[in-house]
Amino acid sequence: MSLSKLSLLDGAASPVSSPPPTSALKARLTQDMKAAMVSKDKTKLAAIRAILTAVKQKEVDNRVEQR
């Protein structure tokens, strides 16, 4: 995953105050995670799981800040 995609999670790349389009990113990551499971690629699977965890944590952090 490139740094530019990760910066979208922070909203840094978007001057608009609307939420970043993470649903498409999460869907793609989930699909890639399933493929890594099937192919038994432990390195890729661990990396994708770490990225998904970071995405979910960022979403939770953003919800807490908005309250």
PDB file of N, CA and C in Angstrom:
ATOM      1  N   MET A   1       0.861  -1.171   0.000  1.00  0.00           N
ATOM      2  CA  MET A   1       0.000   0.000   0.000  1.00  0.00           C
ATOM      3  C   MET A   1       0.898   1.221   0.000  1.00  0.00           C
ATOM      4  N   SER A   2       0.558   2.173  -0.821  1.00  0.00           N
ATOM      5  CA  SER A   2       1.379   3.363  -0.922  1.00  0.00           C
ATOM      6  C   SER A   2       1.041   4.364   0.166  1.00  0.00           C
ATOM      7  N   LEU A   3       1.970   5.260   0.397  1.00  0.00           N
ATOM      8  CA  LEU A   3       1.782   6.292   1.416  1.00  0.00           C
ATOM      9  C   LEU A   3       0.622   7.202   1.059  1.00  0.00           C
ATOM     10  N   SER A   4       0.408   7.451  -0.243  1.00  0.00           N
ATOM     11  CA  SER A   4      -0.696   8.329  -0.638  1.00  0.00           C
ATOM     12  C   SER A   4      -2.044   7.729  -0.262  1.00  0.00           C
ATOM     13  N   LYS A   5      -2.192   6.416  -0.338  1.00  0.00           N
ATOM     14  CA  LYS A   5      -3.442   5.783   0.070  1.00  0.00           C
ATOM     15  C   LYS A   5      -3.632   5.887   1.574  1.00  0.00           C
ATOM     16  N   LEU A   6      -2.548   5.754   2.321  1.00  0.00           N
ATOM     17  CA  LEU A   6      -2.655   5.871   3.769  1.00  0.00           C
ATOM     18  C   LEU A   6      -2.976   7.296   4.187  1.00  0.00           C
ATOM     19  N   SER A   7      -2.476   8.283   3.430  1.00  0.00           N
ATOM     20  CA  SER A   7      -2.770   9.668   3.786  1.00  0.00           C
ATOM     21  C   SER A   7      -4.240   9.988   3.576  1.00  0.00           C
ATOM     22  N   LEU A   8      -4.911   9.247   2.710  1.00  0.00           N
ATOM     23  CA  LEU A   8      -6.352   9.439   2.539  1.00  0.00           C
ATOM     24  C   LEU A   8      -7.098   9.093   3.816  1.00  0.00           C
ATOM     25  N   LEU A   9      -6.551   8.160   4.577  1.00  0.00           N
ATOM     26  CA  LEU A   9      -7.197   7.772   5.825  1.00  0.00           C
ATOM     27  C   LEU A   9      -7.175   8.914   6.833  1.00  0.00           C
ATOM     28  N   ASP A  10      -6.160   9.743   6.758  1.00  0.00           N
ATOM     29  CA  ASP A  10      -6.055  10.888   7.657  1.00  0.00           C
ATOM     30  C   ASP A  10      -6.871  12.071   7.157  1.00  0.00           C
ATOM     31  N   GLY A  11      -7.328  12.018   5.925  1.00  0.00           N
ATOM     32  CA  GLY A  11      -8.053  13.134   5.354  1.00  0.00           C
ATOM     33  C   GLY A  11      -7.120  14.223   4.860  1.00  0.00           C
ATOM     34  N   ALA A  12      -5.813  13.986   4.909  1.00  0.00           N
ATOM     35  CA  ALA A  12      -4.844  15.005   4.532  1.00  0.00           C
ATOM     36  C   ALA A  12      -4.886  15.310   3.043  1.00  0.00           C
ATOM     37  N   ALA A  13      -5.220  14.330   2.226  1.00  0.00           N
ATOM     38  CA  ALA A  13      -5.216  14.537   0.789  1.00  0.00           C
ATOM     39  C   ALA A  13      -6.504  15.174   0.294  1.00  0.00           C
ATOM     40  N   SER A  14      -7.474  15.301   1.143  1.00  0.00           N
ATOM     41  CA  SER A  14      -8.771  15.825   0.732  1.00  0.00           C
ATOM     42  C   SER A  14      -9.063  17.156   1.418  1.00  0.00           C
ATOM     43  N   PRO A  15      -9.170  18.246   0.633  1.00  0.00           N
ATOM     44  CA  PRO A  15      -9.466  19.538   1.250  1.00  0.00           C
ATOM     45  C   PRO A  15     -10.918  19.655   1.703  1.00  0.00           C
ATOM     46  N   VAL A  16     -11.775  18.763   1.233  1.00  0.00           N
ATOM     47  CA  VAL A  16     -13.185  18.776   1.593  1.00  0.00           C
ATOM     48  C   VAL A  16     -13.342  18.114   2.957  1.00  0.00           C
ATOM     49  N   SER A  17     -14.302  18.570   3.736  1.00  0.00           N
ATOM     50  CA  SER A  17     -14.456  18.024   5.079  1.00  0.00           C
ATOM     51  C   SER A  17     -15.271  16.735   5.118  1.00  0.00           C
ATOM     52  N   SER A  18     -15.633  16.184   3.971  1.00  0.00           N
ATOM     53  CA  SER A  18     -16.381  14.930   3.948  1.00  0.00           C
ATOM     54  C   SER A  18     -15.464  13.779   4.340  1.00  0.00           C
ATOM     55  N   PRO A  19     -16.047  12.691   4.849  1.00  0.00           N
ATOM     56  CA  PRO A  19     -15.227  11.558   5.268  1.00  0.00           C
ATOM     57  C   PRO A  19     -14.510  10.921   4.081  1.00  0.00           C
ATOM     58  N   PRO A  20     -13.315  10.394   4.307  1.00  0.00           N
ATOM     59  CA  PRO A  20     -12.563   9.765   3.221  1.00  0.00           C
ATOM     60  C   PRO A  20     -13.242   8.484   2.746  1.00  0.00           C
ATOM     61  N   PRO A  21     -13.018   8.112   1.498  1.00  0.00           N
ATOM     62  CA  PRO A  21     -13.674   6.920   0.935  1.00  0.00           C
ATOM     63  C   PRO A  21     -12.997   5.633   1.379  1.00  0.00           C
ATOM     64  N   THR A  22     -13.143   5.282   2.630  1.00  0.00           N
ATOM     65  CA  THR A  22     -12.462   4.098   3.145  1.00  0.00           C
ATOM     66  C   THR A  22     -13.208   2.806   2.864  1.00  0.00           C
ATOM     67  N   SER A  23     -14.499   2.888   2.538  1.00  0.00           N
ATOM     68  CA  SER A  23     -15.245   1.646   2.337  1.00  0.00           C
ATOM     69  C   SER A  23     -14.713   0.862   1.144  1.00  0.00           C
ATOM     70  N   ALA A  24     -14.355   1.535   0.067  1.00  0.00           N
ATOM     71  CA  ALA A  24     -13.795   0.843  -1.094  1.00  0.00           C
ATOM     72  C   ALA A  24     -12.422   0.274  -0.753  1.00  0.00           C
ATOM     73  N   LEU A  25     -11.653   1.030   0.001  1.00  0.00           N
ATOM     74  CA  LEU A  25     -10.329   0.574   0.416  1.00  0.00           C
ATOM     75  C   LEU A  25     -10.438  -0.652   1.317  1.00  0.00           C
ATOM     76  N   LYS A  26     -11.359  -0.601   2.274  1.00  0.00           N
ATOM     77  CA  LYS A  26     -11.546  -1.738   3.181  1.00  0.00           C
ATOM     78  C   LYS A  26     -12.043  -2.967   2.427  1.00  0.00           C
ATOM     79  N   ALA A  27     -12.918  -2.773   1.468  1.00  0.00           N
ATOM     80  CA  ALA A  27     -13.417  -3.901   0.678  1.00  0.00           C
ATOM     81  C   ALA A  27     -12.277  -4.550  -0.101  1.00  0.00           C
ATOM     82  N   ARG A  28     -11.421  -3.733  -0.689  1.00  0.00           N
ATOM     83  CA  ARG A  28     -10.286  -4.253  -1.451  1.00  0.00           C
ATOM     84  C   ARG A  28      -9.316  -4.990  -0.527  1.00  0.00           C
ATOM     85  N   LEU A  29      -9.054  -4.409   0.639  1.00  0.00           N
ATOM     86  CA  LEU A  29      -8.151  -5.055   1.588  1.00  0.00           C
ATOM     87  C   LEU A  29      -8.722  -6.379   2.086  1.00  0.00           C
ATOM     88  N   THR A  30     -10.017  -6.419   2.332  1.00  0.00           N
ATOM     89  CA  THR A  30     -10.661  -7.656   2.777  1.00  0.00           C
ATOM     90  C   THR A  30     -10.558  -8.727   1.697  1.00  0.00           C
ATOM     91  N   GLN A  31     -10.779  -8.316   0.456  1.00  0.00           N
ATOM     92  CA  GLN A  31     -10.665  -9.246  -0.671  1.00  0.00           C
ATOM     93  C   GLN A  31      -9.225  -9.764  -0.784  1.00  0.00           C
ATOM     94  N   ASP A  32      -8.255  -8.864  -0.656  1.00  0.00           N
ATOM     95  CA  ASP A  32      -6.850  -9.267  -0.713  1.00  0.00           C
ATOM     96  C   ASP A  32      -6.474 -10.164   0.462  1.00  0.00           C
ATOM     97  N   MET A  33      -7.076  -9.912   1.628  1.00  0.00           N
ATOM     98  CA  MET A  33      -6.805 -10.734   2.799  1.00  0.00           C
ATOM     99  C   MET A  33      -7.298 -12.164   2.568  1.00  0.00           C
ATOM    100  N   LYS A  34      -8.483 -12.297   1.993  1.00  0.00           N
ATOM    101  CA  LYS A  34      -9.017 -13.632   1.700  1.00  0.00           C
ATOM    102  C   LYS A  34      -8.128 -14.363   0.708  1.00  0.00           C
ATOM    103  N   ALA A  35      -7.646 -13.642  -0.302  1.00  0.00           N
ATOM    104  CA  ALA A  35      -6.758 -14.257  -1.290  1.00  0.00           C
ATOM    105  C   ALA A  35      -5.450 -14.706  -0.636  1.00  0.00           C
ATOM    106  N   ALA A  36      -4.938 -13.905   0.289  1.00  0.00           N
ATOM    107  CA  ALA A  36      -3.710 -14.276   0.996  1.00  0.00           C
ATOM    108  C   ALA A  36      -3.933 -15.500   1.875  1.00  0.00           C
ATOM    109  N   MET A  37      -5.124 -15.611   2.456  1.00  0.00           N
ATOM    110  CA  MET A  37      -5.448 -16.787   3.267  1.00  0.00           C
ATOM    111  C   MET A  37      -5.474 -18.042   2.402  1.00  0.00           C
ATOM    112  N   VAL A  38      -6.114 -17.939   1.252  1.00  0.00           N
ATOM    113  CA  VAL A  38      -6.227 -19.088   0.348  1.00  0.00           C
ATOM    114  C   VAL A  38      -4.847 -19.509  -0.148  1.00  0.00           C
ATOM    115  N   SER A  39      -4.002 -18.526  -0.487  1.00  0.00           N
ATOM    116  CA  SER A  39      -2.673 -18.844  -1.006  1.00  0.00           C
ATOM    117  C   SER A  39      -1.657 -19.127   0.103  1.00  0.00           C
ATOM    118  N   LYS A  40      -2.097 -18.994   1.361  1.00  0.00           N
ATOM    119  CA  LYS A  40      -1.255 -19.248   2.534  1.00  0.00           C
ATOM    120  C   LYS A  40       0.010 -18.383   2.535  1.00  0.00           C
ATOM    121  N   ASP A  41      -0.157 -17.132   2.097  1.00  0.00           N
ATOM    122  CA  ASP A  41       0.937 -16.166   2.092  1.00  0.00           C
ATOM    123  C   ASP A  41       0.917 -15.432   3.434  1.00  0.00           C
ATOM    124  N   LYS A  42       1.677 -15.950   4.383  1.00  0.00           N
ATOM    125  CA  LYS A  42       1.637 -15.429   5.757  1.00  0.00           C
ATOM    126  C   LYS A  42       2.141 -13.990   5.852  1.00  0.00           C
ATOM    127  N   THR A  43       3.140 -13.651   5.066  1.00  0.00           N
ATOM    128  CA  THR A  43       3.688 -12.293   5.109  1.00  0.00           C
ATOM    129  C   THR A  43       2.666 -11.280   4.618  1.00  0.00           C
ATOM    130  N   LYS A  44       2.061 -11.576   3.487  1.00  0.00           N
ATOM    131  CA  LYS A  44       1.052 -10.677   2.923  1.00  0.00           C
ATOM    132  C   LYS A  44      -0.162 -10.589   3.848  1.00  0.00           C
ATOM    133  N   LEU A  45      -0.565 -11.713   4.397  1.00  0.00           N
ATOM    134  CA  LEU A  45      -1.712 -11.747   5.302  1.00  0.00           C
ATOM    135  C   LEU A  45      -1.461 -10.886   6.543  1.00  0.00           C
ATOM    136  N   ALA A  46      -0.277 -10.997   7.107  1.00  0.00           N
ATOM    137  CA  ALA A  46       0.057 -10.195   8.291  1.00  0.00           C
ATOM    138  C   ALA A  46       0.062  -8.706   7.965  1.00  0.00           C
ATOM    139  N   ALA A  47       0.588  -8.351   6.806  1.00  0.00           N
ATOM    140  CA  ALA A  47       0.632  -6.941   6.407  1.00  0.00           C
ATOM    141  C   ALA A  47      -0.774  -6.381   6.201  1.00  0.00           C
ATOM    142  N   ILE A  48      -1.621  -7.143   5.526  1.00  0.00           N
ATOM    143  CA  ILE A  48      -2.992  -6.683   5.271  1.00  0.00           C
ATOM    144  C   ILE A  48      -3.765  -6.564   6.577  1.00  0.00           C
ATOM    145  N   ARG A  49      -3.580  -7.516   7.473  1.00  0.00           N
ATOM    146  CA  ARG A  49      -4.263  -7.438   8.775  1.00  0.00           C
ATOM    147  C   ARG A  49      -3.820  -6.200   9.555  1.00  0.00           C
ATOM    148  N   ALA A  50      -2.536  -5.888   9.486  1.00  0.00           N
ATOM    149  CA  ALA A  50      -2.029  -4.703  10.181  1.00  0.00           C
ATOM    150  C   ALA A  50      -2.628  -3.428   9.586  1.00  0.00           C
ATOM    151  N   ILE A  51      -2.750  -3.384   8.283  1.00  0.00           N
ATOM    152  CA  ILE A  51      -3.333  -2.210   7.620  1.00  0.00           C
ATOM    153  C   ILE A  51      -4.802  -2.073   7.986  1.00  0.00           C
ATOM    154  N   LEU A  52      -5.544  -3.178   7.946  1.00  0.00           N
ATOM    155  CA  LEU A  52      -6.962  -3.128   8.324  1.00  0.00           C
ATOM    156  C   LEU A  52      -7.133  -2.685   9.775  1.00  0.00           C
ATOM    157  N   THR A  53      -6.251  -3.143  10.640  1.00  0.00           N
ATOM    158  CA  THR A  53      -6.300  -2.728  12.040  1.00  0.00           C
ATOM    159  C   THR A  53      -6.071  -1.225  12.162  1.00  0.00           C
ATOM    160  N   ALA A  54      -5.120  -0.697  11.407  1.00  0.00           N
ATOM    161  CA  ALA A  54      -4.844   0.745  11.443  1.00  0.00           C
ATOM    162  C   ALA A  54      -6.033   1.546  10.919  1.00  0.00           C
ATOM    163  N   VAL A  55      -6.676   1.047   9.871  1.00  0.00           N
ATOM    164  CA  VAL A  55      -7.855   1.725   9.316  1.00  0.00           C
ATOM    165  C   VAL A  55      -8.972   1.757  10.350  1.00  0.00           C
ATOM    166  N   LYS A  56      -9.239   0.616  10.960  1.00  0.00           N
ATOM    167  CA  LYS A  56     -10.310   0.542  11.960  1.00  0.00           C
ATOM    168  C   LYS A  56     -10.002   1.427  13.166  1.00  0.00           C
ATOM    169  N   GLN A  57      -8.741   1.453  13.597  1.00  0.00           N
ATOM    170  CA  GLN A  57      -8.363   2.293  14.733  1.00  0.00           C
ATOM    171  C   GLN A  57      -8.551   3.770  14.400  1.00  0.00           C
ATOM    172  N   LYS A  58      -8.210   4.159  13.183  1.00  0.00           N
ATOM    173  CA  LYS A  58      -8.379   5.556  12.761  1.00  0.00           C
ATOM    174  C   LYS A  58      -9.860   5.926  12.745  1.00  0.00           C
ATOM    175  N   GLU A  59     -10.702   5.013  12.290  1.00  0.00           N
ATOM    176  CA  GLU A  59     -12.143   5.270  12.286  1.00  0.00           C
ATOM    177  C   GLU A  59     -12.664   5.459  13.712  1.00  0.00           C
ATOM    178  N   VAL A  60     -12.214   4.623  14.623  1.00  0.00           N
ATOM    179  CA  VAL A  60     -12.641   4.737  16.022  1.00  0.00           C
ATOM    180  C   VAL A  60     -12.139   6.051  16.615  1.00  0.00           C
ATOM    181  N   ASP A  61     -10.891   6.394  16.348  1.00  0.00           N
ATOM    182  CA  ASP A  61     -10.334   7.647  16.857  1.00  0.00           C
ATOM    183  C   ASP A  61     -11.123   8.849  16.351  1.00  0.00           C
ATOM    184  N   ASN A  62     -11.501   8.825  15.084  1.00  0.00           N
ATOM    185  CA  ASN A  62     -12.264   9.933  14.506  1.00  0.00           C
ATOM    186  C   ASN A  62     -13.641  10.034  15.138  1.00  0.00           C
ATOM    187  N   ARG A  63     -14.262   8.909  15.446  1.00  0.00           N
ATOM    188  CA  ARG A  63     -15.582   8.935  16.091  1.00  0.00           C
ATOM    189  C   ARG A  63     -15.488   9.516  17.496  1.00  0.00           C
ATOM    190  N   VAL A  64     -14.446   9.179  18.215  1.00  0.00           N
ATOM    191  CA  VAL A  64     -14.268   9.670  19.582  1.00  0.00           C
ATOM    192  C   VAL A  64     -14.047  11.181  19.568  1.00  0.00           C
ATOM    193  N   GLU A  65     -13.267  11.691  18.616  1.00  0.00           N
ATOM    194  CA  GLU A  65     -12.984  13.117  18.526  1.00  0.00           C
ATOM    195  C   GLU A  65     -14.226  13.925  18.175  1.00  0.00           C
ATOM    196  N   GLN A  66     -15.151  13.349  17.425  1.00  0.00           N
ATOM    197  CA  GLN A  66     -16.340  14.068  16.977  1.00  0.00           C
ATOM    198  C   GLN A  66     -17.363  14.228  18.087  1.00  0.00           C
ATOM    199  N   ARG A  67     -17.308  13.437  19.116  1.00  0.00           N
ATOM    200  CA  ARG A  67     -18.303  13.503  20.192  1.00  0.00           C
ATOM    201  C   ARG A  67     -18.122  14.700  21.055  1.00  0.00           C
TER     202      ARG A  67
END
